[in-house]
C-alpha atoms as a PDB file:
ATOM      1  CA  MET A   1      30.706 -23.314  -6.640  1.00  0.00           C
ATOM      2  CA  SER A   2      28.811 -20.500  -6.163  1.00  0.00           C
ATOM      3  CA  ALA A   3      27.324 -19.299  -2.570  1.00  0.00           C
ATOM      4  CA  ILE A   4      23.412 -20.591  -3.986  1.00  0.00           C
ATOM      5  CA  ASP A   5      25.418 -24.310  -4.792  1.00  0.00           C
ATOM      6  CA  THR A   6      25.973 -24.275  -1.277  1.00  0.00           C
ATOM      7  CA  LEU A   7      22.324 -24.125  -0.233  1.00  0.00           C
ATOM      8  CA  PRO A   8      20.515 -26.997   0.566  1.00  0.00           C
ATOM      9  CA  PRO A   9      17.276 -27.307  -1.631  1.00  0.00           C
ATOM     10  CA  LEU A  10      13.989 -25.537  -0.649  1.00  0.00           C
ATOM     11  CA  ARG A  11      11.813 -28.508  -0.217  1.00  0.00           C
ATOM     12  CA  GLU A  12      14.438 -30.224   2.369  1.00  0.00           C
ATOM     13  CA  VAL A  13      15.117 -26.313   3.581  1.00  0.00           C
ATOM     14  CA  ILE A  14      10.472 -26.071   4.233  1.00  0.00           C
ATOM     15  CA  ALA A  15      10.554 -29.966   5.778  1.00  0.00           C
ATOM     16  CA  ALA A  16      13.386 -28.783   8.336  1.00  0.00           C
ATOM     17  CA  HIS A  17      11.700 -25.534   9.251  1.00  0.00           C
ATOM     18  CA  GLY A  18       8.218 -26.389   9.372  1.00  0.00           C
ATOM     19  CA  LEU A  19       7.287 -24.038   6.484  1.00  0.00           C
ATOM     20  CA  SER A  20       3.802 -25.250   5.496  1.00  0.00           C
ATOM     21  CA  ALA A  21       2.390 -22.223   3.544  1.00  0.00           C
ATOM     22  CA  ARG A  22      -0.041 -20.338   5.538  1.00  0.00           C
ATOM     23  CA  LYS A  23      -3.841 -18.799   3.161  1.00  0.00           C
ATOM     24  CA  SER A  24      -3.726 -16.187   6.198  1.00  0.00           C
ATOM     25  CA  LEU A  25      -0.428 -14.815   5.028  1.00  0.00           C
ATOM     26  CA  GLY A  26      -1.353 -15.086   1.068  1.00  0.00           C
ATOM     27  CA  GLN A  27       1.218 -17.655   0.355  1.00  0.00           C
ATOM     28  CA  ASN A  28       2.187 -19.723  -1.949  1.00  0.00           C
ATOM     29  CA  PHE A  29       5.674 -20.840  -2.495  1.00  0.00           C
ATOM     30  CA  LEU A  30       7.941 -20.464  -5.653  1.00  0.00           C
ATOM     31  CA  LEU A  31      10.226 -23.415  -5.174  1.00  0.00           C
ATOM     32  CA  ASP A  32      11.116 -24.280  -9.086  1.00  0.00           C
ATOM     33  CA  LEU A  33      14.719 -21.858  -8.695  1.00  0.00           C
ATOM     34  CA  ASN A  34      15.222 -21.659 -12.841  1.00  0.00           C
ATOM     35  CA  LEU A  35      11.992 -20.122 -11.856  1.00  0.00           C
ATOM     36  CA  THR A  36      12.636 -17.676  -9.578  1.00  0.00           C
ATOM     37  CA  ALA A  37      15.824 -16.748 -11.206  1.00  0.00           C
ATOM     38  CA  LYS A  38      13.919 -16.051 -14.270  1.00  0.00           C
ATOM     39  CA  ILE A  39      12.533 -13.501 -12.601  1.00  0.00           C
ATOM     40  CA  ALA A  40      15.381 -11.790 -11.073  1.00  0.00           C
ATOM     41  CA  ARG A  41      16.495 -11.703 -14.497  1.00  0.00           C
ATOM     42  CA  ALA A  42      13.508 -10.193 -15.596  1.00  0.00           C
ATOM     43  CA  ALA A  43      13.837  -7.381 -13.572  1.00  0.00           C
ATOM     44  CA  GLY A  44      16.837  -6.557 -14.995  1.00  0.00           C
ATOM     45  CA  ASP A  45      20.854  -5.629 -14.526  1.00  0.00           C
ATOM     46  CA  LEU A  46      20.867  -5.881 -10.552  1.00  0.00           C
ATOM     47  CA  THR A  47      24.634  -5.503 -10.467  1.00  0.00           C
ATOM     48  CA  GLY A  48      24.686  -1.890  -8.281  1.00  0.00           C
ATOM     49  CA  ALA A  49      21.359  -1.641  -7.436  1.00  0.00           C
ATOM     50  CA  ASP A  50      19.272  -2.377  -3.768  1.00  0.00           C
ATOM     51  CA  VAL A  51      16.476  -4.813  -4.520  1.00  0.00           C
ATOM     52  CA  LEU A  52      13.550  -5.018  -1.749  1.00  0.00           C
ATOM     53  CA  GLU A  53      11.673  -8.125  -1.204  1.00  0.00           C
ATOM     54  CA  ILE A  54       8.825  -8.549   0.381  1.00  0.00           C
ATOM     55  CA  GLY A  55       7.129 -11.689   1.421  1.00  0.00           C
ATOM     56  CA  PRO A  56      10.620 -13.873   0.500  1.00  0.00           C
ATOM     57  CA  GLY A  57       8.721 -17.114   2.201  1.00  0.00           C
ATOM     58  CA  PRO A  58      11.979 -19.212   2.450  1.00  0.00           C
ATOM     59  CA  GLY A  59      13.473 -17.796   0.501  1.00  0.00           C
ATOM     60  CA  GLY A  60      13.795 -19.125  -3.745  1.00  0.00           C
ATOM     61  CA  LEU A  61      13.388 -15.679  -5.420  1.00  0.00           C
ATOM     62  CA  THR A  62      16.095 -14.308  -2.569  1.00  0.00           C
ATOM     63  CA  ARG A  63      18.474 -16.632  -3.950  1.00  0.00           C
ATOM     64  CA  GLY A  64      18.054 -15.558  -7.420  1.00  0.00           C
ATOM     65  CA  LEU A  65      18.551 -12.134  -6.737  1.00  0.00           C
ATOM     66  CA  LEU A  66      21.142 -12.362  -5.004  1.00  0.00           C
ATOM     67  CA  ALA A  67      22.865 -14.961  -7.868  1.00  0.00           C
ATOM     68  CA  GLU A  68      22.184 -12.098 -10.118  1.00  0.00           C
ATOM     69  CA  GLY A  69      23.668  -9.883  -8.766  1.00  0.00           C
ATOM     70  CA  ALA A  70      21.799  -7.562  -6.501  1.00  0.00           C
ATOM     71  CA  ARG A  71      24.447  -5.241  -4.562  1.00  0.00           C
ATOM     72  CA  ARG A  72      21.897  -5.899  -1.118  1.00  0.00           C
ATOM     73  CA  VAL A  73      18.494  -7.538  -0.663  1.00  0.00           C
ATOM     74  CA  LEU A  74      16.006  -6.187   1.525  1.00  0.00           C
ATOM     75  CA  ALA A  75      14.116  -8.941   2.542  1.00  0.00           C
ATOM     76  CA  VAL A  76      10.323  -7.999   4.367  1.00  0.00           C
ATOM     77  CA  GLU A  77       8.852 -11.016   5.476  1.00  0.00           C
ATOM     78  CA  LYS A  78       6.122 -11.382   8.031  1.00  0.00           C
ATOM     79  CA  ASP A  79       6.421 -14.474   9.241  1.00  0.00           C
ATOM     80  CA  THR A  80       8.375 -16.019  11.945  1.00  0.00           C
ATOM     81  CA  ARG A  81       8.732 -18.631  10.894  1.00  0.00           C
ATOM     82  CA  CYS A  82      10.780 -18.151   7.998  1.00  0.00           C
ATOM     83  CA  LEU A  83      13.663 -15.998   9.524  1.00  0.00           C
ATOM     84  CA  PRO A  84      16.218 -19.257  10.135  1.00  0.00           C
ATOM     85  CA  ALA A  85      15.934 -20.219   6.560  1.00  0.00           C
ATOM     86  CA  LEU A  86      16.642 -16.781   5.001  1.00  0.00           C
ATOM     87  CA  GLU A  87      19.600 -16.562   7.772  1.00  0.00           C
ATOM     88  CA  GLU A  88      21.001 -19.275   6.699  1.00  0.00           C
ATOM     89  CA  ILE A  89      20.504 -17.416   2.616  1.00  0.00           C
ATOM     90  CA  ALA A  90      22.603 -14.434   4.542  1.00  0.00           C
ATOM     91  CA  GLN A  91      25.410 -16.630   5.684  1.00  0.00           C
ATOM     92  CA  ALA A  92      26.086 -17.537   2.657  1.00  0.00           C
ATOM     93  CA  TYR A  93      26.307 -13.893   0.813  1.00  0.00           C
ATOM     94  CA  PRO A  94      27.609 -12.354   3.577  1.00  0.00           C
ATOM     95  CA  GLY A  95      26.950  -8.269   3.520  1.00  0.00           C
ATOM     96  CA  ARG A  96      24.347  -8.488   1.051  1.00  0.00           C
ATOM     97  CA  LEU A  97      20.913  -9.792   2.827  1.00  0.00           C
ATOM     98  CA  THR A  98      19.699  -7.779   4.998  1.00  0.00           C
ATOM     99  CA  VAL A  99      16.044  -9.268   6.428  1.00  0.00           C
ATOM    100  CA  LEU A 100      13.122  -7.411   8.523  1.00  0.00           C
ATOM    101  CA  ASN A 101      10.301  -9.526  10.529  1.00  0.00           C
ATOM    102  CA  ALA A 102       7.950  -7.044   9.835  1.00  0.00           C
ATOM    103  CA  ASP A 103       4.249  -5.804   8.238  1.00  0.00           C
ATOM    104  CA  ALA A 104       5.336  -4.048   4.782  1.00  0.00           C
ATOM    105  CA  LEU A 105       2.447  -2.764   5.286  1.00  0.00           C
ATOM    106  CA  GLU A 106       3.478  -0.585   8.296  1.00  0.00           C
ATOM    107  CA  ILE A 107       6.856   0.150   7.558  1.00  0.00           C
ATOM    108  CA  GLU A 108       8.428   2.409   5.326  1.00  0.00           C
ATOM    109  CA  PRO A 109      11.648  -0.012   3.755  1.00  0.00           C
ATOM    110  CA  LEU A 110      12.735   1.776   0.914  1.00  0.00           C
ATOM    111  CA  ALA A 111      13.941   4.034   3.422  1.00  0.00           C
ATOM    112  CA  HIS A 112      16.872   1.939   4.541  1.00  0.00           C
ATOM    113  CA  LEU A 113      17.890   1.555   0.935  1.00  0.00           C
ATOM    114  CA  THR A 114      20.348   3.155  -1.359  1.00  0.00           C
ATOM    115  CA  PRO A 115      19.384   4.206  -4.658  1.00  0.00           C
ATOM    116  CA  PRO A 116      19.245   2.552  -7.523  1.00  0.00           C
ATOM    117  CA  ILE A 117      16.700   0.623  -6.348  1.00  0.00           C
ATOM    118  CA  ARG A 118      14.859  -2.307  -7.582  1.00  0.00           C
ATOM    119  CA  ILE A 119      11.243  -3.347  -5.689  1.00  0.00           C
ATOM    120  CA  VAL A 120      11.292  -7.238  -6.910  1.00  0.00           C
ATOM    121  CA  ALA A 121       8.511  -9.873  -5.345  1.00  0.00           C
ATOM    122  CA  ASN A 122       6.126 -12.381  -5.066  1.00  0.00           C
ATOM    123  CA  LEU A 123       3.853 -10.859  -3.670  1.00  0.00           C
ATOM    124  CA  PRO A 124       1.547 -12.417  -1.024  1.00  0.00           C
ATOM    125  CA  TYR A 125      -2.158 -12.733  -2.824  1.00  0.00           C
ATOM    126  CA  ASN A 126      -3.569 -10.445  -0.047  1.00  0.00           C
ATOM    127  CA  VAL A 127      -1.611  -7.674  -0.618  1.00  0.00           C
ATOM    128  CA  GLY A 128      -0.565  -7.613  -3.933  1.00  0.00           C
ATOM    129  CA  THR A 129      -2.913  -4.579  -5.390  1.00  0.00           C
ATOM    130  CA  GLU A 130      -2.323  -2.162  -2.429  1.00  0.00           C
ATOM    131  CA  LEU A 131       1.280  -2.507  -2.005  1.00  0.00           C
ATOM    132  CA  LEU A 132       1.367  -1.097  -5.647  1.00  0.00           C
ATOM    133  CA  ILE A 133      -1.080   1.192  -5.549  1.00  0.00           C
ATOM    134  CA  ARG A 134       1.247   2.946  -2.428  1.00  0.00           C
ATOM    135  CA  TRP A 135       4.616   3.092  -5.141  1.00  0.00           C
ATOM    136  CA  LEU A 136       2.556   4.161  -7.477  1.00  0.00           C
ATOM    137  CA  THR A 137       0.955   6.765  -5.318  1.00  0.00           C
ATOM    138  CA  PRO A 138       4.506   8.304  -3.943  1.00  0.00           C
ATOM    139  CA  ALA A 139       4.391  12.182  -2.594  1.00  0.00           C
ATOM    140  CA  GLU A 140       6.993  13.063  -5.227  1.00  0.00           C
ATOM    141  CA  TRP A 141       7.769  11.636  -9.266  1.00  0.00           C
ATOM    142  CA  PRO A 142      10.278  10.494  -9.734  1.00  0.00           C
ATOM    143  CA  PRO A 143      10.149   7.768  -7.165  1.00  0.00           C
ATOM    144  CA  VAL A 144      12.613   6.682  -5.771  1.00  0.00           C
ATOM    145  CA  TRP A 145      12.321   3.489  -7.063  1.00  0.00           C
ATOM    146  CA  ASP A 146      13.502   2.383 -10.820  1.00  0.00           C
ATOM    147  CA  SER A 147      11.398  -0.366 -11.538  1.00  0.00           C
ATOM    148  CA  LEU A 148       8.406  -2.965  -9.597  1.00  0.00           C
ATOM    149  CA  THR A 149       8.767  -7.038 -11.034  1.00  0.00           C
ATOM    150  CA  LEU A 150       5.635  -8.627  -9.211  1.00  0.00           C
ATOM    151  CA  MET A 151       3.767 -11.620  -9.200  1.00  0.00           C
ATOM    152  CA  PHE A 152       0.019 -11.030  -9.149  1.00  0.00           C
ATOM    153  CA  GLN A 153      -2.634 -13.549 -10.125  1.00  0.00           C
ATOM    154  CA  ARG A 154      -3.353 -13.190 -12.890  1.00  0.00           C
ATOM    155  CA  GLU A 155      -6.302 -10.951 -13.303  1.00  0.00           C
ATOM    156  CA  VAL A 156      -4.892  -8.512 -11.139  1.00  0.00           C
ATOM    157  CA  ALA A 157      -1.453  -7.941 -13.850  1.00  0.00           C
ATOM    158  CA  GLU A 158      -3.757  -7.847 -16.790  1.00  0.00           C
ATOM    159  CA  ARG A 159      -5.941  -4.698 -15.328  1.00  0.00           C
ATOM    160  CA  ILE A 160      -2.617  -3.047 -15.051  1.00  0.00           C
ATOM    161  CA  VAL A 161      -1.803  -3.264 -18.649  1.00  0.00           C
ATOM    162  CA  ALA A 162      -5.157  -2.731 -19.628  1.00  0.00           C
ATOM    163  CA  ARG A 163      -6.046  -0.866 -22.741  1.00  0.00           C
ATOM    164  CA  PRO A 164      -9.362   1.455 -22.845  1.00  0.00           C
ATOM    165  CA  GLY A 165     -12.583  -0.760 -23.718  1.00  0.00           C
ATOM    166  CA  SER A 166     -11.592  -4.194 -22.359  1.00  0.00           C
ATOM    167  CA  LYS A 167     -13.145  -4.873 -19.413  1.00  0.00           C
ATOM    168  CA  ALA A 168     -10.109  -5.082 -17.614  1.00  0.00           C
ATOM    169  CA  TYR A 169      -9.267  -1.471 -18.006  1.00  0.00           C
ATOM    170  CA  GLY A 170      -9.371   1.085 -14.773  1.00  0.00           C
ATOM    171  CA  ARG A 171      -8.065   2.840 -12.197  1.00  0.00           C
ATOM    172  CA  LEU A 172      -5.346   0.804 -11.689  1.00  0.00           C
ATOM    173  CA  ALA A 173      -4.329   1.149 -15.235  1.00  0.00           C
ATOM    174  CA  LEU A 174      -4.764   4.499 -15.218  1.00  0.00           C
ATOM    175  CA  LEU A 175      -2.426   4.962 -12.419  1.00  0.00           C
ATOM    176  CA  ALA A 176       0.189   2.971 -13.828  1.00  0.00           C
ATOM    177  CA  GLN A 177       0.176   4.112 -16.912  1.00  0.00           C
ATOM    178  CA  TRP A 178       0.516   7.298 -16.091  1.00  0.00           C
ATOM    179  CA  ARG A 179       3.983   7.605 -14.944  1.00  0.00           C
ATOM    180  CA  CYS A 180       5.459   4.429 -16.316  1.00  0.00           C
ATOM    181  CA  GLU A 181       5.694   1.203 -18.662  1.00  0.00           C
ATOM    182  CA  ALA A 182       4.075  -1.559 -17.560  1.00  0.00           C
ATOM    183  CA  GLN A 183       4.522  -4.863 -19.138  1.00  0.00           C
ATOM    184  CA  ILE A 184       3.665  -8.865 -18.819  1.00  0.00           C
ATOM    185  CA  VAL A 185       6.886 -10.703 -18.659  1.00  0.00           C
ATOM    186  CA  MET A 186       5.879 -14.169 -17.685  1.00  0.00           C
ATOM    187  CA  HIS A 187       3.122 -16.165 -16.903  1.00  0.00           C
ATOM    188  CA  LEU A 188       2.939 -18.878 -14.693  1.00  0.00           C
ATOM    189  CA  PRO A 189       0.506 -21.779 -13.880  1.00  0.00           C
ATOM    190  CA  PRO A 190      -1.143 -22.942 -10.336  1.00  0.00           C
ATOM    191  CA  SER A 191       1.169 -26.236 -10.305  1.00  0.00           C
ATOM    192  CA  ALA A 192       3.985 -24.271 -10.463  1.00  0.00           C
ATOM    193  CA  PHE A 193       3.357 -23.101  -6.446  1.00  0.00           C
ATOM    194  CA  THR A 194       3.492 -24.765  -3.135  1.00  0.00           C
ATOM    195  CA  PRO A 195       0.067 -25.573  -2.558  1.00  0.00           C
ATOM    196  CA  PRO A 196      -1.431 -24.762  -6.117  1.00  0.00           C
ATOM    197  CA  PRO A 197      -3.457 -21.681  -6.685  1.00  0.00           C
ATOM    198  CA  LYS A 198      -6.938 -21.665  -7.859  1.00  0.00           C
ATOM    199  CA  VAL A 199      -5.818 -19.369 -10.097  1.00  0.00           C
ATOM    200  CA  SER A 200      -3.353 -18.673 -12.843  1.00  0.00           C
ATOM    201  CA  SER A 201      -0.723 -15.766 -12.267  1.00  0.00           C
ATOM    202  CA  ALA A 202       2.289 -13.242 -13.904  1.00  0.00           C
ATOM    203  CA  VAL A 203       4.804 -11.903 -13.636  1.00  0.00           C
ATOM    204  CA  VAL A 204       4.518  -7.219 -14.190  1.00  0.00           C
ATOM    205  CA  HIS A 205       7.767  -5.445 -15.213  1.00  0.00           C
ATOM    206  CA  ILE A 206       7.227  -1.827 -14.746  1.00  0.00           C
ATOM    207  CA  SER A 207       9.261   1.269 -15.389  1.00  0.00           C
ATOM    208  CA  ALA A 208       9.296   4.432 -14.092  1.00  0.00           C
ATOM    209  CA  LEU A 209       9.101   7.706 -16.145  1.00  0.00           C
ATOM    210  CA  PRO A 210      10.791  10.000 -16.120  1.00  0.00           C
ATOM    211  CA  GLU A 211       7.910  12.505 -15.804  1.00  0.00           C
ATOM    212  CA  PRO A 212       3.904  11.698 -16.604  1.00  0.00           C
ATOM    213  CA  ARG A 213       2.637  10.860 -19.755  1.00  0.00           C
ATOM    214  CA  TYR A 214      -0.081  13.938 -19.720  1.00  0.00           C
ATOM    215  CA  PRO A 215       0.122  16.932 -17.291  1.00  0.00           C
ATOM    216  CA  ALA A 216      -2.134  16.762 -14.283  1.00  0.00           C
ATOM    217  CA  ASP A 217      -2.971  17.217 -10.853  1.00  0.00           C
ATOM    218  CA  ALA A 218      -2.177  13.815  -8.797  1.00  0.00           C
ATOM    219  CA  ALA A 219      -4.647  14.081  -6.287  1.00  0.00           C
ATOM    220  CA  THR A 220      -7.247  15.650  -8.911  1.00  0.00           C
ATOM    221  CA  LEU A 221      -6.510  12.508 -11.125  1.00  0.00           C
ATOM    222  CA  GLU A 222      -6.741  10.454  -9.174  1.00  0.00           C
ATOM    223  CA  ARG A 223      -9.952  11.351  -7.488  1.00  0.00           C
ATOM    224  CA  VAL A 224     -11.750  11.984 -11.262  1.00  0.00           C
ATOM    225  CA  VAL A 225     -10.425   8.456 -11.459  1.00  0.00           C
ATOM    226  CA  ALA A 226     -11.852   6.831  -8.744  1.00  0.00           C
ATOM    227  CA  ARG A 227     -15.194   7.924  -9.413  1.00  0.00           C
ATOM    228  CA  ALA A 228     -15.518   7.123 -12.918  1.00  0.00           C
ATOM    229  CA  PHE A 229     -15.053   3.782 -12.168  1.00  0.00           C
ATOM    230  CA  ASN A 230     -16.689   3.526  -8.881  1.00  0.00           C
ATOM    231  CA  GLN A 231     -20.176   3.542 -10.958  1.00  0.00           C
ATOM    232  CA  ARG A 232     -18.315   2.383 -14.504  1.00  0.00           C
ATOM    233  CA  ARG A 233     -21.928   1.700 -15.756  1.00  0.00           C
ATOM    234  CA  LYS A 234     -23.183   5.030 -15.631  1.00  0.00           C
ATOM    235  CA  MET A 235     -22.605   8.023 -18.296  1.00  0.00           C
ATOM    236  CA  LEU A 236     -19.658   9.796 -16.861  1.00  0.00           C
ATOM    237  CA  ARG A 237     -22.317  13.119 -16.668  1.00  0.00           C
ATOM    238  CA  ALA A 238     -24.148  11.381 -13.911  1.00  0.00           C
ATOM    239  CA  ALA A 239     -21.441   9.588 -12.733  1.00  0.00           C
ATOM    240  CA  LEU A 240     -18.942  12.633 -12.133  1.00  0.00           C
ATOM    241  CA  LYS A 241     -22.249  14.769 -11.213  1.00  0.00           C
ATOM    242  CA  GLY A 242     -20.390  16.219  -7.711  1.00  0.00           C
ATOM    243  CA  MET A 243     -17.302  17.064  -8.263  1.00  0.00           C
ATOM    244  CA  ALA A 244     -18.806  20.469 -10.481  1.00  0.00           C
ATOM    245  CA  PRO A 245     -22.245  21.934 -11.097  1.00  0.00           C
ATOM    246  CA  ASP A 246     -21.040  22.673 -15.539  1.00  0.00           C
ATOM    247  CA  ILE A 247     -19.180  19.182 -15.495  1.00  0.00           C
ATOM    248  CA  GLU A 248     -20.907  18.333 -18.501  1.00  0.00           C
ATOM    249  CA  ASP A 249     -19.205  21.060 -19.491  1.00  0.00           C
ATOM    250  CA  ARG A 250     -15.680  20.011 -18.240  1.00  0.00           C
ATOM    251  CA  LEU A 251     -16.445  16.806 -20.519  1.00  0.00           C
ATOM    252  CA  ILE A 252     -16.814  17.914 -23.283  1.00  0.00           C
ATOM    253  CA  ALA A 253     -13.519  20.915 -23.000  1.00  0.00           C
ATOM    254  CA  ALA A 254     -11.751  17.730 -21.733  1.00  0.00           C
ATOM    255  CA  GLY A 255     -12.798  16.202 -25.518  1.00  0.00           C
ATOM    256  CA  ILE A 256     -15.366  13.593 -23.655  1.00  0.00           C
ATOM    257  CA  LYS A 257     -18.457  13.352 -24.262  1.00  0.00           C
ATOM    258  CA  PRO A 258     -20.857  13.776 -21.404  1.00  0.00           C
ATOM    259  CA  THR A 259     -22.642  10.661 -22.251  1.00  0.00           C
ATOM    260  CA  ASP A 260     -19.462   7.912 -22.631  1.00  0.00           C
ATOM    261  CA  ARG A 261     -18.860   5.301 -19.515  1.00  0.00           C
ATOM    262  CA  ALA A 262     -15.328   5.251 -17.795  1.00  0.00           C
ATOM    263  CA  GLU A 263     -14.145   2.550 -19.825  1.00  0.00           C
ATOM    264  CA  THR A 264     -14.398   3.503 -22.970  1.00  0.00           C
ATOM    265  CA  VAL A 265     -12.030   7.003 -21.707  1.00  0.00           C
ATOM    266  CA  GLY A 266      -8.286   6.839 -22.497  1.00  0.00           C
ATOM    267  CA  LEU A 267      -5.266   7.953 -20.105  1.00  0.00           C
ATOM    268  CA  GLU A 268      -4.442  11.525 -22.039  1.00  0.00           C
ATOM    269  CA  GLN A 269      -8.471  12.608 -22.337  1.00  0.00           C
ATOM    270  CA  PHE A 270      -9.196  11.743 -18.313  1.00  0.00           C
ATOM    271  CA  CYS A 271      -5.587  14.009 -17.880  1.00  0.00           C
ATOM    272  CA  ALA A 272      -7.183  16.762 -19.915  1.00  0.00           C
ATOM    273  CA  LEU A 273     -11.013  16.438 -17.643  1.00  0.00           C
ATOM    274  CA  ALA A 274      -8.246  16.431 -14.350  1.00  0.00           C
ATOM    275  CA  ARG A 275      -7.037  19.594 -15.843  1.00  0.00           C
ATOM    276  CA  THR A 276      -9.746  21.619 -16.466  1.00  0.00           C
ATOM    277  CA  LEU A 277     -10.998  20.534 -13.235  1.00  0.00           C
ATOM    278  CA  ASP A 278      -8.676  21.965 -11.681  1.00  0.00           C
ATOM    279  CA  ALA A 279      -8.964  25.145 -14.055  1.00  0.00           C
END
């Protein structure tokens, strides 16, 4: 019998510890262990890797990560009600699960892990995008993590993998695709969760590239993209007006028409524009 088989069903765990999901914490629990195992497998071979999980709740995905062979799981959980349930899992997998009772936005959990590192999480809806942007914009590249396998609202997942010309295309797509490979690997309906959210969800797998696809200064590229999409309905010569007095010439030098709008411009062109602004 494997360790996961010695643990009680998640519905029993929730009832025993009074773990009703709290909207204020962005909680929607995934109780189907077949689905949590599938998410864990989507992260690739976990054998020999440390895994960071944010918002484990009662520990459905945590069980899957450990059962799939993760060397060690660091679970960061803000809700103190969930700690006894996670401690039961830690006892079933001695020395392989560490639980931090903390707010993921206020600590640096990656400092507690040893490479290779994978981040796998059913992220709380209210902090998911902010955490993703932090992981995509470290001070140095390549990052300390190898891959991110994260569940988001479907709309957010589609923004991460969007292509130019689509409504979903924007800052998130450019940040993710500049230095990573990103793809949606799984869709989940609201009925998969307790309580069911009002929207569908999707799991995105993001692998870090050794270096960016195109050269550009990260801070400059971030500023250009933020300005361009903050006023996405404006022509770029107007949206980027304050970035340089000769912005039209710089746009043309980067292969961009001054009358183009941000949603039609590809990653390579944005990187070229960042270089012309730094020149």
